[in-house]
Protein backbone atom coordinates (compact mmCIF):
# COMPACT_ATOMS: atom_id res chain seq x y z
CA MET A 1 122.39 -43.31 69.70
CA LYS A 2 123.34 -43.30 66.02
CA ILE A 3 119.38 -43.31 64.51
CA ILE A 4 118.56 -39.81 63.03
CA LYS A 5 115.24 -38.24 61.99
CA ALA A 6 113.77 -39.85 58.75
CA ASP A 7 115.58 -43.07 58.77
CA LYS A 8 113.99 -45.86 57.57
CA VAL A 9 113.80 -48.47 59.87
CA LYS A 10 113.27 -51.72 60.55
CA ILE A 11 111.58 -53.14 63.68
CA ILE A 12 113.78 -56.31 65.23
CA TYR A 13 111.61 -57.29 68.24
CA GLY A 14 107.77 -56.92 69.77
CA LYS A 15 104.47 -56.71 68.48
CA ASP A 16 105.20 -55.15 65.22
CA LYS A 17 108.10 -57.34 64.31
CA GLY A 18 109.09 -57.44 60.47
CA ARG A 19 107.57 -54.04 60.11
CA GLU A 20 109.25 -51.51 58.46
CA GLY A 21 108.31 -47.44 58.85
CA LYS A 22 110.27 -43.99 59.12
CA VAL A 23 111.66 -42.24 62.17
CA ASP A 24 109.33 -38.97 62.98
CA ARG A 25 111.24 -38.09 66.17
CA VAL A 26 113.43 -39.22 68.57
CA TYR A 27 114.02 -38.87 72.45
CA LYS A 28 117.59 -38.88 72.82
CA LYS A 29 118.00 -39.04 76.32
CA GLN A 30 115.39 -41.96 77.26
CA ASN A 31 117.28 -43.79 73.78
CA LYS A 32 113.44 -44.38 71.76
CA VAL A 33 111.76 -43.07 68.73
CA LEU A 34 108.93 -42.64 67.54
CA ILE A 35 107.92 -44.20 64.04
CA GLU A 36 105.38 -43.12 61.78
CA GLY A 37 101.71 -45.85 61.94
CA ILE A 38 104.29 -48.42 64.54
CA ASN A 39 103.66 -49.09 68.11
CA ILE A 40 99.63 -47.77 68.13
CA TYR A 41 97.77 -47.71 71.33
CA LYS A 42 94.45 -46.97 71.64
CA LYS A 43 93.49 -43.98 74.76
CA HIS A 44 90.27 -43.37 75.86
CA ILE A 45 89.47 -39.42 75.87
CA LYS A 46 87.27 -37.93 78.48
CA LYS A 47 84.40 -35.57 77.01
CA SER A 48 85.77 -32.12 76.95
CA GLU A 49 85.14 -28.66 75.13
CA GLN A 50 88.43 -29.92 72.38
CA THR A 51 86.29 -33.26 72.16
CA PRO A 52 82.93 -33.13 73.16
CA GLN A 53 82.43 -36.42 71.80
CA GLY A 54 84.98 -38.27 74.02
CA GLY A 55 86.29 -41.85 72.80
CA VAL A 56 88.61 -43.73 71.73
CA VAL A 57 92.00 -42.24 69.94
CA GLU A 58 94.62 -44.40 68.46
CA VAL A 59 97.85 -42.87 69.63
CA PRO A 60 101.47 -43.97 68.52
CA ARG A 61 104.10 -44.47 71.34
CA PRO A 62 107.59 -44.70 71.71
CA LEU A 63 109.82 -47.82 70.95
CA ASP A 64 113.53 -48.26 72.69
CA ALA A 65 115.74 -47.63 69.95
CA SER A 66 117.45 -51.05 70.72
CA LYS A 67 114.25 -52.75 69.05
CA VAL A 68 114.65 -51.04 65.27
CA ALA A 69 117.47 -51.59 63.07
CA VAL A 70 118.46 -48.56 60.41
CA ILE A 71 117.89 -50.03 56.84
CA CYS A 72 120.72 -49.17 54.76
CA PRO A 73 119.51 -46.82 51.58
CA LYS A 74 121.66 -48.80 48.97
CA CYS A 75 122.09 -52.25 49.91
CA SER A 76 118.13 -52.26 51.60
CA LYS A 77 119.17 -54.06 54.37
CA PRO A 78 118.68 -53.71 58.09
CA THR A 79 122.04 -52.98 59.22
CA ARG A 80 124.42 -51.71 62.55
CA ILE A 81 125.84 -48.18 61.74
CA SER A 82 129.90 -47.83 62.64
CA ILE A 83 130.78 -44.12 63.14
CA LYS A 84 134.21 -42.66 61.01
CA ARG A 85 135.24 -39.40 61.85
CA GLU A 86 137.00 -37.43 58.24
CA LYS A 87 137.81 -33.99 58.29
CA GLY A 88 136.07 -32.92 61.56
CA LYS A 89 132.80 -34.16 59.96
CA LYS A 90 131.01 -37.73 61.60
CA LEU A 91 130.00 -39.87 59.21
CA ARG A 92 127.75 -42.94 59.39
CA ILE A 93 129.02 -46.00 57.88
CA CYS A 94 126.79 -49.16 56.63
CA LYS A 95 128.40 -52.34 58.76
CA LYS A 96 127.37 -54.72 55.67
CA CYS A 97 128.22 -52.93 52.14
CA LYS A 98 130.39 -50.01 54.18
CA SER A 99 128.80 -47.40 52.25
CA VAL A 100 128.01 -43.98 53.73
CA ILE A 101 124.63 -43.22 55.11
């Protein structure tokens, strides 16, 4: 997966299409990303010792990585990423402006 934590991404598919956010967490095995403030669902919580009131809580759910595009910090456009190896290091390259991300 070419998306990492703290990347700025744009949603390209789904109910939040067009919105932008920052990646909080990456689930590599499941190929999903958790983005702050995006893909929020409501969850009903039963009364317990931790939550004596119970009620409805908003919970963010992870999105599939194929539904987001990384925004290049240099050209500020949503882009795909290519990988280039230099001196044993992997560099992420913007496909539009050819700069290192």
